[in-house]
Amino acid sequence: MSTVPEEFKYSAEHEWIGTTDDALVVRVGITDFAQDALGEVVYVEHPEVGSTVTSGDVVGEVESTKSVSDIFAPVGGEIVAVNTELDENPGAVNSAPYGAGWLFEIKLAETSAVDSLLSAEDYKKQVG
């Protein structure tokens, strides 16, 4: 069974959304379920810092030894940071998907946007 931390919200596209020190900024990564399905991650294409995204937009991709998968923006807003550590260590997406393997941060266009995302309990039901 995949790990699904209670403190995060989740998207149907297998991304987690967590809080940061700034109430308007959320951190995004892929879930344990997603990294396990992908296999060994070898490359992460980041979104561009400063770009404005809408929920559901493709903002990058994760390449593994098995496949290439799109990364979607789970909420709308401005990309304010990307995890450049993944350039040297993309495997952190596998080894620490909820920690060092985070992908990017978004300054929310609407603070209520996270309310429509899945709770940990609902995400667990989705992935079985």
N, C-alpha and C. Protein backbone atom coordinates (compact mmCIF):
# COMPACT_ATOMS: atom_id res chain seq x y z
N MET A 1 0.85 -1.20 0.00
CA MET A 1 0.00 0.00 0.00
C MET A 1 0.88 1.25 0.00
N SER A 2 0.52 2.20 -0.80
CA SER A 2 1.26 3.45 -0.90
C SER A 2 1.06 4.31 0.34
N THR A 3 2.05 5.12 0.64
CA THR A 3 1.96 6.06 1.74
C THR A 3 1.15 7.27 1.28
N VAL A 4 0.18 7.69 2.11
CA VAL A 4 -0.66 8.85 1.81
C VAL A 4 -0.75 9.71 3.07
N PRO A 5 0.20 10.64 3.26
CA PRO A 5 0.18 11.48 4.47
C PRO A 5 -1.11 12.30 4.59
N GLU A 6 -1.63 12.34 5.81
CA GLU A 6 -2.90 13.02 6.08
C GLU A 6 -2.82 14.54 5.91
N GLU A 7 -1.61 15.13 6.08
CA GLU A 7 -1.50 16.59 6.08
C GLU A 7 -1.56 17.23 4.70
N PHE A 8 -1.58 16.42 3.66
CA PHE A 8 -1.61 16.97 2.30
C PHE A 8 -2.99 16.84 1.68
N LYS A 9 -3.21 17.64 0.62
CA LYS A 9 -4.35 17.47 -0.27
C LYS A 9 -3.82 16.76 -1.50
N TYR A 10 -4.70 16.20 -2.32
CA TYR A 10 -4.29 15.40 -3.47
C TYR A 10 -5.13 15.72 -4.69
N SER A 11 -4.52 15.51 -5.86
CA SER A 11 -5.25 15.69 -7.11
C SER A 11 -5.55 14.31 -7.70
N ALA A 12 -6.52 14.26 -8.60
CA ALA A 12 -6.85 13.01 -9.28
C ALA A 12 -5.69 12.54 -10.16
N GLU A 13 -4.77 13.45 -10.48
CA GLU A 13 -3.61 13.13 -11.32
C GLU A 13 -2.40 12.68 -10.49
N HIS A 14 -2.63 12.34 -9.23
CA HIS A 14 -1.60 11.78 -8.34
C HIS A 14 -0.52 12.77 -7.93
N GLU A 15 -0.93 14.00 -7.68
CA GLU A 15 -0.02 15.00 -7.12
C GLU A 15 -0.47 15.32 -5.70
N TRP A 16 0.49 15.62 -4.85
CA TRP A 16 0.16 16.08 -3.51
C TRP A 16 0.40 17.59 -3.44
N ILE A 17 -0.33 18.24 -2.54
CA ILE A 17 -0.25 19.68 -2.38
C ILE A 17 -0.09 19.95 -0.88
N GLY A 18 1.00 20.60 -0.51
CA GLY A 18 1.27 20.88 0.90
C GLY A 18 1.46 22.36 1.14
N THR A 19 1.38 22.73 2.40
CA THR A 19 1.54 24.13 2.78
C THR A 19 3.02 24.48 2.89
N THR A 20 3.30 25.78 2.85
CA THR A 20 4.64 26.31 3.07
C THR A 20 4.54 27.37 4.17
N ASP A 21 5.63 28.05 4.45
CA ASP A 21 5.61 29.12 5.46
C ASP A 21 4.75 30.30 5.02
N ASP A 22 4.51 30.43 3.72
CA ASP A 22 3.67 31.49 3.16
C ASP A 22 2.29 30.90 2.89
N ALA A 23 1.27 31.45 3.53
CA ALA A 23 -0.09 30.91 3.40
C ALA A 23 -0.62 30.94 1.97
N LEU A 24 -0.03 31.78 1.11
CA LEU A 24 -0.48 31.88 -0.28
C LEU A 24 0.27 30.95 -1.22
N VAL A 25 1.29 30.26 -0.71
CA VAL A 25 2.13 29.40 -1.56
C VAL A 25 1.99 27.94 -1.13
N VAL A 26 1.79 27.07 -2.13
CA VAL A 26 1.72 25.64 -1.86
C VAL A 26 2.86 24.92 -2.59
N ARG A 27 3.28 23.82 -2.02
CA ARG A 27 4.33 22.98 -2.61
C ARG A 27 3.66 21.77 -3.24
N VAL A 28 4.17 21.35 -4.39
CA VAL A 28 3.55 20.26 -5.16
C VAL A 28 4.59 19.19 -5.47
N GLY A 29 4.16 17.95 -5.40
CA GLY A 29 4.99 16.82 -5.79
C GLY A 29 4.11 15.70 -6.29
N ILE A 30 4.71 14.59 -6.70
CA ILE A 30 3.90 13.44 -7.09
C ILE A 30 3.83 12.48 -5.92
N THR A 31 2.75 11.73 -5.86
CA THR A 31 2.50 10.84 -4.74
C THR A 31 3.38 9.59 -4.78
N ASP A 32 3.40 8.91 -3.66
CA ASP A 32 4.11 7.64 -3.55
C ASP A 32 3.55 6.65 -4.57
N PHE A 33 2.24 6.63 -4.73
CA PHE A 33 1.59 5.76 -5.71
C PHE A 33 2.12 6.05 -7.11
N ALA A 34 2.21 7.33 -7.47
CA ALA A 34 2.67 7.73 -8.81
C ALA A 34 4.13 7.37 -9.02
N GLN A 35 4.99 7.65 -8.04
CA GLN A 35 6.41 7.35 -8.23
C GLN A 35 6.62 5.85 -8.34
N ASP A 36 5.84 5.07 -7.61
CA ASP A 36 5.96 3.62 -7.68
C ASP A 36 5.54 3.11 -9.06
N ALA A 37 4.46 3.67 -9.60
CA ALA A 37 3.99 3.28 -10.94
C ALA A 37 4.99 3.67 -12.02
N LEU A 38 5.64 4.82 -11.84
CA LEU A 38 6.62 5.30 -12.82
C LEU A 38 7.89 4.45 -12.85
N GLY A 39 8.32 3.99 -11.71
CA GLY A 39 9.62 3.32 -11.63
C GLY A 39 10.71 4.36 -11.39
N GLU A 40 11.93 4.00 -11.66
CA GLU A 40 13.08 4.85 -11.36
C GLU A 40 13.04 6.15 -12.17
N VAL A 41 12.91 7.28 -11.47
CA VAL A 41 12.87 8.59 -12.13
C VAL A 41 14.29 9.00 -12.50
N VAL A 42 14.47 9.38 -13.78
CA VAL A 42 15.80 9.75 -14.27
C VAL A 42 15.91 11.21 -14.70
N TYR A 43 14.76 11.89 -14.84
CA TYR A 43 14.79 13.29 -15.28
C TYR A 43 13.47 13.96 -14.92
N VAL A 44 13.55 15.23 -14.50
CA VAL A 44 12.36 16.03 -14.22
C VAL A 44 12.46 17.32 -15.02
N GLU A 45 11.44 17.60 -15.84
CA GLU A 45 11.36 18.87 -16.56
C GLU A 45 10.51 19.81 -15.72
N HIS A 46 11.11 20.93 -15.31
CA HIS A 46 10.44 21.88 -14.42
C HIS A 46 9.58 22.87 -15.20
N PRO A 47 8.52 23.38 -14.54
CA PRO A 47 7.83 24.54 -15.12
C PRO A 47 8.73 25.77 -15.00
N GLU A 48 8.41 26.81 -15.73
CA GLU A 48 9.21 28.04 -15.70
C GLU A 48 8.78 28.92 -14.53
N VAL A 49 9.74 29.29 -13.68
CA VAL A 49 9.45 30.20 -12.57
C VAL A 49 8.94 31.52 -13.15
N GLY A 50 7.85 32.04 -12.58
CA GLY A 50 7.25 33.28 -13.06
C GLY A 50 6.09 33.05 -13.99
N SER A 51 5.93 31.82 -14.48
CA SER A 51 4.82 31.55 -15.39
C SER A 51 3.51 31.42 -14.61
N THR A 52 2.43 31.81 -15.26
CA THR A 52 1.10 31.70 -14.67
C THR A 52 0.45 30.45 -15.24
N VAL A 53 -0.13 29.64 -14.35
CA VAL A 53 -0.74 28.39 -14.76
C VAL A 53 -2.18 28.32 -14.27
N THR A 54 -2.96 27.53 -14.98
CA THR A 54 -4.34 27.25 -14.62
C THR A 54 -4.41 25.81 -14.16
N SER A 55 -5.28 25.53 -13.22
CA SER A 55 -5.46 24.16 -12.76
C SER A 55 -5.70 23.24 -13.95
N GLY A 56 -4.95 22.15 -14.01
CA GLY A 56 -5.07 21.19 -15.11
C GLY A 56 -4.07 21.37 -16.22
N ASP A 57 -3.37 22.51 -16.24
CA ASP A 57 -2.33 22.74 -17.26
C ASP A 57 -1.19 21.75 -17.10
N VAL A 58 -0.63 21.30 -18.22
CA VAL A 58 0.60 20.52 -18.18
C VAL A 58 1.74 21.51 -17.95
N VAL A 59 2.52 21.29 -16.89
CA VAL A 59 3.58 22.25 -16.53
C VAL A 59 4.99 21.65 -16.58
N GLY A 60 5.09 20.39 -16.87
CA GLY A 60 6.39 19.73 -16.94
C GLY A 60 6.20 18.26 -17.15
N GLU A 61 7.27 17.49 -16.96
CA GLU A 61 7.15 16.05 -17.08
C GLU A 61 8.20 15.35 -16.22
N VAL A 62 7.88 14.11 -15.91
CA VAL A 62 8.77 13.24 -15.17
C VAL A 62 9.10 12.07 -16.08
N GLU A 63 10.40 11.86 -16.28
CA GLU A 63 10.84 10.75 -17.14
C GLU A 63 11.43 9.66 -16.25
N SER A 64 10.97 8.45 -16.49
CA SER A 64 11.50 7.31 -15.74
C SER A 64 12.06 6.29 -16.71
N THR A 65 12.59 5.21 -16.17
CA THR A 65 13.11 4.15 -17.02
C THR A 65 11.99 3.45 -17.76
N LYS A 66 10.73 3.62 -17.31
CA LYS A 66 9.58 2.99 -17.95
C LYS A 66 8.85 3.89 -18.94
N SER A 67 8.73 5.19 -18.60
CA SER A 67 7.87 6.07 -19.40
C SER A 67 8.15 7.54 -19.11
N VAL A 68 7.43 8.39 -19.84
CA VAL A 68 7.44 9.83 -19.58
C VAL A 68 6.01 10.22 -19.23
N SER A 69 5.84 10.92 -18.12
CA SER A 69 4.50 11.32 -17.67
C SER A 69 4.44 12.82 -17.48
N ASP A 70 3.30 13.40 -17.88
CA ASP A 70 3.09 14.83 -17.69
C ASP A 70 2.90 15.16 -16.22
N ILE A 71 3.31 16.36 -15.85
CA ILE A 71 3.03 16.92 -14.53
C ILE A 71 1.98 18.00 -14.75
N PHE A 72 0.91 17.95 -13.97
CA PHE A 72 -0.18 18.91 -14.10
C PHE A 72 -0.17 19.89 -12.93
N ALA A 73 -0.64 21.10 -13.19
CA ALA A 73 -0.84 22.07 -12.11
C ALA A 73 -2.13 21.69 -11.39
N PRO A 74 -2.07 21.33 -10.12
CA PRO A 74 -3.28 20.96 -9.40
C PRO A 74 -4.14 22.16 -9.01
N VAL A 75 -3.54 23.35 -9.03
CA VAL A 75 -4.23 24.60 -8.72
C VAL A 75 -3.67 25.68 -9.64
N GLY A 76 -4.40 26.77 -9.77
CA GLY A 76 -3.94 27.88 -10.59
C GLY A 76 -3.14 28.88 -9.79
N GLY A 77 -2.25 29.58 -10.49
CA GLY A 77 -1.45 30.61 -9.83
C GLY A 77 -0.15 30.83 -10.57
N GLU A 78 0.84 31.36 -9.85
CA GLU A 78 2.15 31.65 -10.43
C GLU A 78 3.19 30.69 -9.88
N ILE A 79 3.97 30.10 -10.76
CA ILE A 79 5.08 29.24 -10.33
C ILE A 79 6.14 30.15 -9.70
N VAL A 80 6.42 29.93 -8.41
CA VAL A 80 7.37 30.80 -7.70
C VAL A 80 8.68 30.10 -7.35
N ALA A 81 8.72 28.78 -7.46
CA ALA A 81 9.96 28.04 -7.17
C ALA A 81 9.88 26.67 -7.81
N VAL A 82 11.05 26.15 -8.17
CA VAL A 82 11.16 24.76 -8.64
C VAL A 82 12.29 24.10 -7.85
N ASN A 83 12.23 22.81 -7.72
CA ASN A 83 13.23 22.08 -6.96
C ASN A 83 14.40 21.72 -7.87
N THR A 84 15.36 22.63 -7.96
CA THR A 84 16.52 22.41 -8.83
C THR A 84 17.43 21.30 -8.33
N GLU A 85 17.26 20.88 -7.08
CA GLU A 85 18.04 19.74 -6.57
C GLU A 85 17.76 18.48 -7.40
N LEU A 86 16.59 18.43 -8.02
CA LEU A 86 16.23 17.26 -8.83
C LEU A 86 17.04 17.18 -10.11
N ASP A 87 17.67 18.29 -10.53
CA ASP A 87 18.52 18.25 -11.71
C ASP A 87 19.68 17.28 -11.50
N GLU A 88 20.23 17.29 -10.29
CA GLU A 88 21.36 16.41 -9.96
C GLU A 88 20.91 15.09 -9.35
N ASN A 89 19.73 15.10 -8.71
CA ASN A 89 19.26 13.91 -8.01
C ASN A 89 17.77 13.67 -8.27
N PRO A 90 17.40 13.31 -9.51
CA PRO A 90 15.98 13.08 -9.81
C PRO A 90 15.41 11.90 -9.03
N GLY A 91 16.27 11.00 -8.57
CA GLY A 91 15.82 9.85 -7.79
C GLY A 91 15.18 10.22 -6.46
N ALA A 92 15.33 11.47 -6.02
CA ALA A 92 14.67 11.91 -4.79
C ALA A 92 13.15 11.83 -4.93
N VAL A 93 12.66 11.91 -6.16
CA VAL A 93 11.22 11.75 -6.40
C VAL A 93 10.79 10.36 -5.95
N ASN A 94 11.64 9.36 -6.13
CA ASN A 94 11.34 8.00 -5.68
C ASN A 94 11.61 7.80 -4.20
N SER A 95 12.76 8.26 -3.73
CA SER A 95 13.16 7.97 -2.36
C SER A 95 12.46 8.83 -1.32
N ALA A 96 12.04 10.03 -1.69
CA ALA A 96 11.38 10.94 -0.74
C ALA A 96 10.32 11.77 -1.46
N PRO A 97 9.26 11.12 -1.99
CA PRO A 97 8.28 11.86 -2.79
C PRO A 97 7.58 12.98 -2.03
N TYR A 98 7.45 12.85 -0.71
CA TYR A 98 6.78 13.88 0.09
C TYR A 98 7.76 14.82 0.78
N GLY A 99 9.03 14.67 0.49
CA GLY A 99 10.06 15.51 1.12
C GLY A 99 10.97 16.11 0.07
N ALA A 100 12.21 15.63 0.01
CA ALA A 100 13.22 16.18 -0.91
C ALA A 100 12.83 16.04 -2.37
N GLY A 101 11.86 15.19 -2.68
CA GLY A 101 11.44 14.99 -4.07
C GLY A 101 10.32 15.91 -4.54
N TRP A 102 10.03 16.99 -3.79
CA TRP A 102 8.99 17.93 -4.23
C TRP A 102 9.38 18.52 -5.58
N LEU A 103 8.38 18.99 -6.35
CA LEU A 103 8.63 19.45 -7.72
C LEU A 103 8.66 20.96 -7.87
N PHE A 104 7.60 21.65 -7.41
CA PHE A 104 7.52 23.10 -7.60
C PHE A 104 6.58 23.71 -6.57
N GLU A 105 6.61 25.06 -6.50
CA GLU A 105 5.71 25.80 -5.61
C GLU A 105 4.90 26.79 -6.43
N ILE A 106 3.64 26.93 -6.05
CA ILE A 106 2.71 27.84 -6.73
C ILE A 106 2.16 28.85 -5.74
N LYS A 107 2.20 30.13 -6.12
CA LYS A 107 1.49 31.17 -5.37
C LYS A 107 0.06 31.14 -5.87
N LEU A 108 -0.87 30.83 -4.98
CA LEU A 108 -2.26 30.61 -5.36
C LEU A 108 -2.93 31.85 -5.94
N ALA A 109 -3.65 31.66 -7.04
CA ALA A 109 -4.48 32.72 -7.60
C ALA A 109 -5.70 32.92 -6.69
N GLU A 110 -6.20 31.82 -6.12
CA GLU A 110 -7.33 31.86 -5.20
C GLU A 110 -7.02 30.92 -4.04
N THR A 111 -7.07 31.44 -2.83
CA THR A 111 -6.72 30.61 -1.68
C THR A 111 -7.70 29.46 -1.49
N SER A 112 -8.91 29.59 -1.98
CA SER A 112 -9.90 28.52 -1.84
C SER A 112 -9.68 27.37 -2.82
N ALA A 113 -8.73 27.51 -3.74
CA ALA A 113 -8.51 26.49 -4.77
C ALA A 113 -8.20 25.12 -4.18
N VAL A 114 -7.50 25.09 -3.07
CA VAL A 114 -7.14 23.79 -2.47
C VAL A 114 -8.34 23.07 -1.87
N ASP A 115 -9.42 23.81 -1.61
CA ASP A 115 -10.60 23.21 -1.00
C ASP A 115 -11.24 22.15 -1.90
N SER A 116 -11.06 22.28 -3.21
CA SER A 116 -11.69 21.34 -4.14
C SER A 116 -10.85 20.08 -4.36
N LEU A 117 -9.67 20.04 -3.78
CA LEU A 117 -8.79 18.87 -3.94
C LEU A 117 -9.21 17.74 -3.01
N LEU A 118 -8.66 16.56 -3.26
CA LEU A 118 -9.01 15.38 -2.48
C LEU A 118 -8.33 15.37 -1.11
N SER A 119 -9.05 14.89 -0.12
CA SER A 119 -8.43 14.64 1.18
C SER A 119 -7.61 13.35 1.07
N ALA A 120 -6.79 13.09 2.06
CA ALA A 120 -6.01 11.85 2.06
C ALA A 120 -6.93 10.64 2.00
N GLU A 121 -8.03 10.68 2.75
CA GLU A 121 -8.98 9.57 2.77
C GLU A 121 -9.59 9.35 1.38
N ASP A 122 -9.99 10.43 0.72
CA ASP A 122 -10.58 10.31 -0.62
C ASP A 122 -9.55 9.83 -1.64
N TYR A 123 -8.30 10.29 -1.51
CA TYR A 123 -7.26 9.84 -2.43
C TYR A 123 -6.98 8.35 -2.24
N LYS A 124 -6.97 7.89 -0.99
CA LYS A 124 -6.76 6.46 -0.72
C LYS A 124 -7.84 5.62 -1.40
N LYS A 125 -9.08 6.11 -1.39
CA LYS A 125 -10.17 5.39 -2.06
C LYS A 125 -9.93 5.33 -3.56
N GLN A 126 -9.40 6.41 -4.13
CA GLN A 126 -9.15 6.47 -5.57
C GLN A 126 -8.10 5.45 -6.00
N VAL A 127 -7.04 5.33 -5.22
CA VAL A 127 -5.94 4.45 -5.62
C VAL A 127 -6.11 3.01 -5.11
N GLY A 128 -7.15 2.81 -4.32
CA GLY A 128 -7.46 1.46 -3.87
C GLY A 128 -6.61 1.03 -2.75
